[in-house]
Structures are given as structure tokens and as C-alpha cells.
Protein backbone atom coordinates (compact mmCIF):
# COMPACT_ATOMS: atom_id res chain seq x y z
CA UNK A 1 -0.03 -0.05 0.14
CA UNK A 2 1.19 3.19 -1.00
CA UNK A 3 0.32 6.53 0.83
CA UNK A 4 2.02 9.74 0.20
CA UNK A 5 0.67 12.02 2.15
CA UNK A 6 -0.06 10.80 5.90
CA UNK A 7 -2.33 13.45 6.68
CA UNK A 8 -4.28 13.45 9.93
CA UNK A 9 -7.74 12.91 10.49
CA UNK A 10 -8.79 16.65 10.01
CA UNK A 11 -8.23 16.37 6.16
CA UNK A 12 -11.36 18.08 4.31
CA UNK A 13 -11.63 18.53 0.56
CA UNK A 14 -13.98 20.90 -0.75
CA UNK A 15 -15.65 18.60 -2.94
CA UNK A 16 -15.14 15.58 -5.31
CA UNK A 17 -13.83 17.67 -8.04
CA UNK A 18 -11.07 19.14 -5.98
CA UNK A 19 -10.24 15.94 -4.35
CA UNK A 20 -10.09 14.35 -8.21
CA UNK A 21 -7.66 17.08 -8.76
CA UNK A 22 -5.37 16.22 -5.89
CA UNK A 23 -5.50 12.56 -6.25
CA UNK A 24 -4.40 13.31 -10.03
CA UNK A 25 -1.41 15.27 -8.64
CA UNK A 26 -0.46 12.89 -6.45
CA UNK A 27 -0.94 10.06 -8.54
CA UNK A 28 1.20 11.85 -10.86
CA UNK A 29 4.05 12.76 -8.64
CA UNK A 30 4.07 9.01 -7.78
CA UNK A 31 4.97 7.91 -11.26
CA UNK A 32 1.36 6.43 -11.89
CA UNK A 33 0.96 4.47 -15.32
CA UNK A 34 -2.23 3.51 -16.75
CA UNK A 35 -4.00 3.44 -19.87
CA UNK A 36 -7.69 3.36 -18.69
CA UNK A 37 -10.07 4.92 -15.46
CA UNK A 38 -12.76 3.44 -13.94
CA UNK A 39 -14.86 5.26 -11.79
CA UNK A 40 -17.55 3.79 -8.89
CA UNK A 41 -20.60 4.65 -9.06
CA UNK A 42 -21.99 7.08 -8.45
CA UNK A 43 -19.63 8.98 -6.22
CA UNK A 44 -16.19 8.19 -7.62
CA UNK A 45 -17.12 9.30 -11.34
CA UNK A 46 -16.61 12.63 -10.37
CA UNK A 47 -13.10 12.36 -9.02
CA UNK A 48 -12.21 9.75 -11.64
CA UNK A 49 -13.09 12.32 -14.21
CA UNK A 50 -10.61 14.55 -12.95
CA UNK A 51 -7.53 12.26 -12.99
CA UNK A 52 -9.06 10.47 -16.33
CA UNK A 53 -8.64 14.71 -17.36
CA UNK A 54 -5.58 15.10 -16.05
CA UNK A 55 -3.56 12.08 -17.29
CA UNK A 56 -5.72 12.25 -20.52
CA UNK A 57 -7.02 8.66 -20.52
CA UNK A 58 -10.26 7.08 -21.37
CA UNK A 59 -13.28 7.19 -18.60
CA UNK A 60 -15.68 4.31 -17.67
CA UNK A 61 -17.72 3.36 -14.82
CA UNK A 62 -17.81 0.06 -12.84
CA UNK A 63 -21.42 0.02 -11.69
CA UNK A 64 -21.47 -1.49 -8.10
CA UNK A 65 -24.73 -2.02 -5.31
CA UNK A 66 -24.53 -2.83 -2.00
CA UNK A 67 -26.22 -5.44 -0.85
CA UNK A 68 -28.14 -4.50 2.36
CA UNK A 69 -28.34 -6.22 5.59
CA UNK A 70 -32.23 -7.22 6.54
CA UNK A 71 -33.94 -4.19 8.42
CA UNK A 72 -31.34 -2.13 7.19
CA UNK A 73 -30.53 -0.59 4.22
CA UNK A 74 -27.41 1.63 5.75
CA UNK A 75 -25.66 -1.81 6.69
CA UNK A 76 -23.69 -3.09 3.79
CA UNK A 77 -23.51 -6.99 3.83
CA UNK A 78 -21.20 -7.00 0.57
CA UNK A 79 -21.33 -6.09 -2.80
CA UNK A 80 -22.12 -6.97 -6.56
CA UNK A 81 -21.21 -5.87 -9.80
CA UNK A 82 -23.13 -5.47 -12.85
CA UNK A 83 -20.99 -8.25 -14.23
CA UNK A 84 -22.25 -10.33 -11.27
CA UNK A 85 -19.01 -10.10 -9.07
CA UNK A 86 -20.04 -10.49 -5.79
CA UNK A 87 -18.36 -9.86 -2.40
CA UNK A 88 -19.84 -11.05 0.99
CA UNK A 89 -18.85 -9.27 4.11
CA UNK A 90 -18.65 -12.63 6.21
CA UNK A 91 -18.32 -11.92 9.57
CA UNK A 92 -21.36 -9.22 9.37
CA UNK A 93 -23.32 -11.64 7.83
CA UNK A 94 -22.61 -14.14 10.23
CA UNK A 95 -23.43 -12.01 13.25
CA UNK A 96 -26.81 -10.69 11.79
CA UNK A 97 -27.38 -14.46 11.29
CA UNK A 98 -27.95 -13.44 7.40
CA UNK A 99 -30.10 -16.56 5.42
CA UNK A 100 -28.98 -17.69 2.36
CA UNK A 101 -32.33 -17.43 0.56
CA UNK A 102 -32.19 -13.56 1.76
CA UNK A 103 -28.79 -13.43 0.21
CA UNK A 104 -29.87 -15.00 -3.33
CA UNK A 105 -32.88 -12.61 -3.22
CA UNK A 106 -30.93 -9.38 -2.50
CA UNK A 107 -28.12 -10.39 -4.45
CA UNK A 108 -30.46 -10.58 -7.81
CA UNK A 109 -32.43 -7.78 -7.05
CA UNK A 110 -29.36 -5.51 -6.57
CA UNK A 111 -27.69 -6.90 -9.84
CA UNK A 112 -30.78 -5.98 -11.59
CA UNK A 113 -30.53 -2.92 -10.59
CA UNK A 114 -26.98 -2.46 -11.69
CA UNK A 115 -27.47 -3.92 -14.86
CA UNK A 116 -30.32 -1.35 -15.58
CA UNK A 117 -28.24 1.34 -14.41
CA UNK A 118 -25.08 0.67 -16.31
CA UNK A 119 -26.93 0.32 -19.42
CA UNK A 120 -28.73 3.80 -18.96
CA UNK A 121 -24.86 5.16 -18.19
CA UNK A 122 -23.65 3.76 -21.56
CA UNK A 123 -26.62 3.48 -24.15
CA UNK A 124 -25.10 2.59 -27.49
CA UNK A 125 -21.55 2.36 -26.04
CA UNK A 126 -19.59 -0.28 -25.46
CA UNK A 127 -17.32 -0.96 -22.12
CA UNK A 128 -13.90 -0.01 -22.28
CA UNK A 129 -11.37 -2.61 -22.82
CA UNK A 130 -9.40 -3.31 -20.37
CA UNK A 131 -8.05 -6.87 -21.17
CA UNK A 132 -4.07 -6.17 -20.82
CA UNK A 133 -4.44 -2.82 -19.61
CA UNK A 134 -3.02 -0.64 -16.45
CA UNK A 135 -6.12 0.60 -14.59
CA UNK A 136 -6.66 2.53 -12.01
CA UNK A 137 -9.81 2.15 -9.93
CA UNK A 138 -11.14 5.39 -8.79
CA UNK A 139 -13.73 6.36 -5.60
CA UNK A 140 -14.42 9.19 -3.48
CA UNK A 141 -13.49 7.31 -0.49
CA UNK A 142 -12.82 4.17 1.04
CA UNK A 143 -14.68 2.96 4.00
CA UNK A 144 -14.99 -0.78 4.74
CA UNK A 145 -13.82 -1.50 1.21
CA UNK A 146 -16.32 -4.09 0.21
CA UNK A 147 -17.50 -2.29 -3.20
CA UNK A 148 -13.94 -1.32 -4.23
CA UNK A 149 -13.30 -5.05 -4.07
CA UNK A 150 -16.13 -6.19 -6.11
CA UNK A 151 -14.46 -3.62 -8.65
CA UNK A 152 -11.08 -4.89 -8.49
CA UNK A 153 -11.97 -8.60 -9.02
CA UNK A 154 -14.51 -7.36 -11.57
CA UNK A 155 -11.55 -6.03 -13.61
CA UNK A 156 -9.33 -9.09 -12.65
CA UNK A 157 -12.01 -11.15 -14.31
CA UNK A 158 -11.67 -8.94 -17.23
CA UNK A 159 -8.09 -9.34 -17.79
CA UNK A 160 -6.63 -6.10 -16.27
CA UNK A 161 -2.98 -6.77 -16.25
CA UNK A 162 -2.28 -4.04 -13.30
CA UNK A 163 -4.77 -2.47 -10.85
CA UNK A 164 -4.12 0.58 -8.77
CA UNK A 165 -6.72 1.23 -6.27
CA UNK A 166 -6.90 5.35 -5.71
CA UNK A 167 -9.20 7.55 -3.44
CA UNK A 168 -8.97 10.73 -2.02
CA UNK A 169 -9.41 9.20 1.52
CA UNK A 170 -9.52 5.61 3.27
CA UNK A 171 -9.80 3.70 6.25
CA UNK A 172 -6.62 1.76 7.24
CA UNK A 173 -8.85 -1.14 7.27
CA UNK A 174 -10.40 -0.59 4.31
CA UNK A 175 -6.95 0.27 2.39
CA UNK A 176 -5.83 -2.82 4.09
CA UNK A 177 -8.27 -5.61 2.78
CA UNK A 178 -7.69 -4.21 -0.78
CA UNK A 179 -3.85 -4.22 -0.69
CA UNK A 180 -4.54 -7.82 -0.50
CA UNK A 181 -6.02 -7.87 -4.34
CA UNK A 182 -4.87 -4.94 -5.86
CA UNK A 183 -1.38 -4.46 -6.65
CA UNK A 184 -1.47 -0.67 -5.81
CA UNK A 185 -3.06 1.10 -2.84
CA UNK A 186 -2.82 5.09 -3.51
CA UNK A 187 -4.67 7.13 -0.85
CA UNK A 188 -3.96 10.87 -0.02
CA UNK A 189 -4.96 10.04 3.59
CA UNK A 190 -5.65 7.17 5.87
CA UNK A 191 -6.72 8.86 9.10
CA UNK A 192 -7.46 6.69 12.21
CA UNK A 193 -10.33 8.49 13.33
CA UNK A 194 -13.14 7.46 10.18
CA UNK A 195 -16.64 7.32 10.76
CA UNK A 196 -17.67 8.18 6.97
CA UNK A 197 -16.04 9.40 3.53
CA UNK A 198 -18.27 12.41 3.56
CA UNK A 199 -16.68 13.51 7.06
CA UNK A 200 -13.65 14.44 4.48
CA UNK A 201 -15.61 17.14 2.07
CA UNK A 202 -17.15 20.18 3.13
CA UNK A 203 -19.98 19.68 0.05
CA UNK A 204 -20.91 16.17 -0.46
CA UNK A 205 -24.26 15.95 -2.20
CA UNK A 206 -25.49 12.59 -3.67
CA UNK A 207 -23.83 12.60 -7.38
CA UNK A 208 -27.13 12.04 -10.28
CA UNK A 209 -27.49 9.88 -13.00
CA UNK A 210 -27.41 12.14 -15.46
CA UNK A 211 -24.13 13.57 -13.61
CA UNK A 212 -22.46 10.53 -14.77
CA UNK A 213 -23.94 10.68 -18.03
CA UNK A 214 -22.36 14.14 -18.62
CA UNK A 215 -19.22 13.07 -17.29
CA UNK A 216 -19.01 10.05 -19.69
CA UNK A 217 -20.01 12.17 -22.40
CA UNK A 218 -17.47 14.88 -22.23
CA UNK A 219 -14.66 11.94 -21.57
CA UNK A 220 -16.09 10.59 -25.12
CA UNK A 221 -15.85 13.67 -26.53
CA UNK A 222 -12.30 14.92 -25.35
CA UNK A 223 -11.22 11.12 -27.03
CA UNK A 224 -13.10 12.27 -30.08
CA UNK A 225 -11.00 15.44 -30.38
CA UNK A 226 -7.98 13.88 -29.47
CA UNK A 227 -8.22 11.52 -32.29
CA UNK A 228 -9.02 13.95 -35.05
CA UNK A 229 -6.13 14.58 -37.18
């Protein structure tokens, strides 16, 4: 795990865009090499967009849905990607006594949501090819690491050669989990006092589907201009 700036727990970013610019600077200073940037939906996409813009790289999304605990939409028991890659938090599942039938039902529901959302983002555009590529997967922050873990496993399954996980801020525990499956974990800050990603932002609104589509369209337009003779 690579943490270039061991900031204290009072680090605060103005918004996701500012955090993305700071993250891009840190990645560049560390000599990061990549050919594709992937943003976790939805909050990670504005951050990833700034990284992709700074590096002149194409941007795509990884649609990941949290698997919710029974009777609690806020508590995550795992995560699932639109391609079906799933991660389960077995410790929480065992502690809550979650039944296999619930896991199956919840997984199917969230998978259907993820696939519908992915189609809405891409429209007639194909997913970017990551086979053999060096990929940077970006989120606005890493808490438990479950959603990012699912994204990493998805990229591996698609043949990514090297995977860098990047976020402006991450919990030490979440980064440690990801350090076991990614080639590199890069966070600007890993504060010990970590309760929620939003505590490290002054402005932290929900990211809309419309904004995600806009950022993807802007990335495609930049690539089109770059290719024009």
C-alpha cells in the first residue's frame, strides 16, 4: 500500500472535483502509469473524471451496488457489480444471522438494478476494453472496501494486467483489505478516525445519474477531439 501523504484526521476536501484534482496530482507525482481510468458509481465518477482528464486517459464506470442487510438499508453486507462479481462481508453476515435465501434474493435484486443502471449510462457505447491494460479504479473514499473489492475482482476477471486502487481518503482497515488483491493502493490520507467518507468533504451531495452520463459524454468527446487529425 502506498500512502504518499500521511495527513491527519482533519483533512477535508472542498468537493469531489477538488479531491479528484488533488488525487491526480498525487498519482502523477508517484509516477503512476495507466491506460484506463474507472470510476465507481456514482460518487467515484466525478473524482475519476478529474484523474482521467489530468492524465489524458479514457474514463469508464464500474457499477457496483451494496448488498443491504435485512431491515437496514444503511448497513452493507457485501457488494455486487453489474457483471455479477460479488463480495460478501462474512463477519457481518454471520453476526446478523443472514439466511442464504435472503442473500440470493438481495443479490438478484441489486444485480438487476446494476445492469439497468449500467445500460442507462452507456447507451449504445461499449465498455472500455481493460484486458491487458493498466487500470486505475477510483472512488471518492474507501470505508470498508467492499464495493472497491468487487470492482477490483471484476477488473481482474476482465483481464486487467495491473490494477491501482485510488481514492482521496481511505480507512486503514479498508485499504489493508484492498492491498491484498490490488497491485497498488494509493490514498492521499488514511486517518485513524474514520467514520464515513462524507466527513472529509465540505460539499458532499448525492451524484445523479445525469451527472455520471454527462461526465462520460465529456470523456468521449475529449477522446474524439484527440483522435481528430
